[in-house]
Protein backbone atom coordinates (compact mmCIF):
# COMPACT_ATOMS: atom_id res chain seq x y z
CA UNK A 1 -2.84 14.39 -6.11
CA UNK A 2 -6.33 12.85 -6.09
CA UNK A 3 -5.43 10.81 -9.15
CA UNK A 4 -2.42 9.34 -7.32
CA UNK A 5 -4.59 8.46 -4.32
CA UNK A 6 -7.11 6.61 -6.51
CA UNK A 7 -4.29 4.76 -8.28
CA UNK A 8 -2.82 3.72 -4.91
CA UNK A 9 -6.21 2.49 -3.66
CA UNK A 10 -6.77 0.54 -6.87
CA UNK A 11 -3.37 -1.12 -6.52
CA UNK A 12 -4.14 -2.05 -2.91
CA UNK A 13 -7.34 -3.73 -4.08
CA UNK A 14 -5.49 -5.66 -6.79
CA UNK A 15 -2.72 -6.79 -4.43
CA UNK A 16 -5.17 -7.81 -1.69
CA UNK A 17 -7.20 -9.81 -4.21
CA UNK A 18 -4.28 -11.94 -5.38
CA UNK A 19 -4.17 -14.34 -2.40
CA UNK A 20 -7.93 -15.11 -2.26
CA UNK A 21 -7.91 -15.64 -6.03
CA UNK A 22 -4.94 -18.01 -5.98
CA UNK A 23 -5.77 -19.90 -2.78
CA UNK A 24 -9.27 -19.45 -1.35
CA UNK A 25 -8.79 -22.27 1.17
CA UNK A 26 -5.68 -20.68 2.67
CA UNK A 27 -7.50 -17.35 2.80
CA UNK A 28 -10.32 -18.89 4.83
CA UNK A 29 -7.82 -20.44 7.24
CA UNK A 30 -6.00 -17.14 7.60
CA UNK A 31 -9.24 -15.28 8.30
CA UNK A 32 -10.19 -17.82 10.96
CA UNK A 33 -6.78 -17.41 12.59
CA UNK A 34 -7.17 -13.61 12.58
CA UNK A 35 -10.67 -13.89 14.06
CA UNK A 36 -9.23 -15.90 16.96
CA UNK A 37 -6.45 -13.38 17.71
CA UNK A 38 -6.83 -11.18 20.75
CA UNK A 39 -7.16 -7.42 20.26
CA UNK A 40 -3.63 -6.64 21.45
CA UNK A 41 -2.01 -9.01 18.94
CA UNK A 42 -4.18 -7.70 16.14
CA UNK A 43 -3.28 -4.10 16.98
CA UNK A 44 0.42 -4.93 17.10
CA UNK A 45 0.27 -6.67 13.72
CA UNK A 46 -1.57 -3.66 12.28
CA UNK A 47 1.05 -1.30 13.69
CA UNK A 48 3.87 -3.40 12.28
CA UNK A 49 2.16 -3.41 8.89
CA UNK A 50 1.77 0.39 8.94
CA UNK A 51 5.39 0.95 9.97
CA UNK A 52 6.64 -1.37 7.23
CA UNK A 53 4.45 0.48 4.72
CA UNK A 54 5.83 3.86 5.78
CA UNK A 55 9.39 2.52 5.55
CA UNK A 56 8.69 1.13 2.10
CA UNK A 57 7.30 4.49 0.96
CA UNK A 58 10.36 6.24 2.36
CA UNK A 59 12.71 3.89 0.51
CA UNK A 60 10.80 4.19 -2.77
CA UNK A 61 10.71 7.96 -2.65
């Protein structure tokens, strides 16, 4: 179980590193846009991301 968790975390790091590696300028613009978002919008986008992740896990398993 712990091995699977570490593998999942490593894959998250790889996937999250793809965009800054390929397009650092777009990443900076995206981070500025996120910094300007209000808390409610940021929470909603986080919730949507979590729900989509849970749905994806359900479909894969």
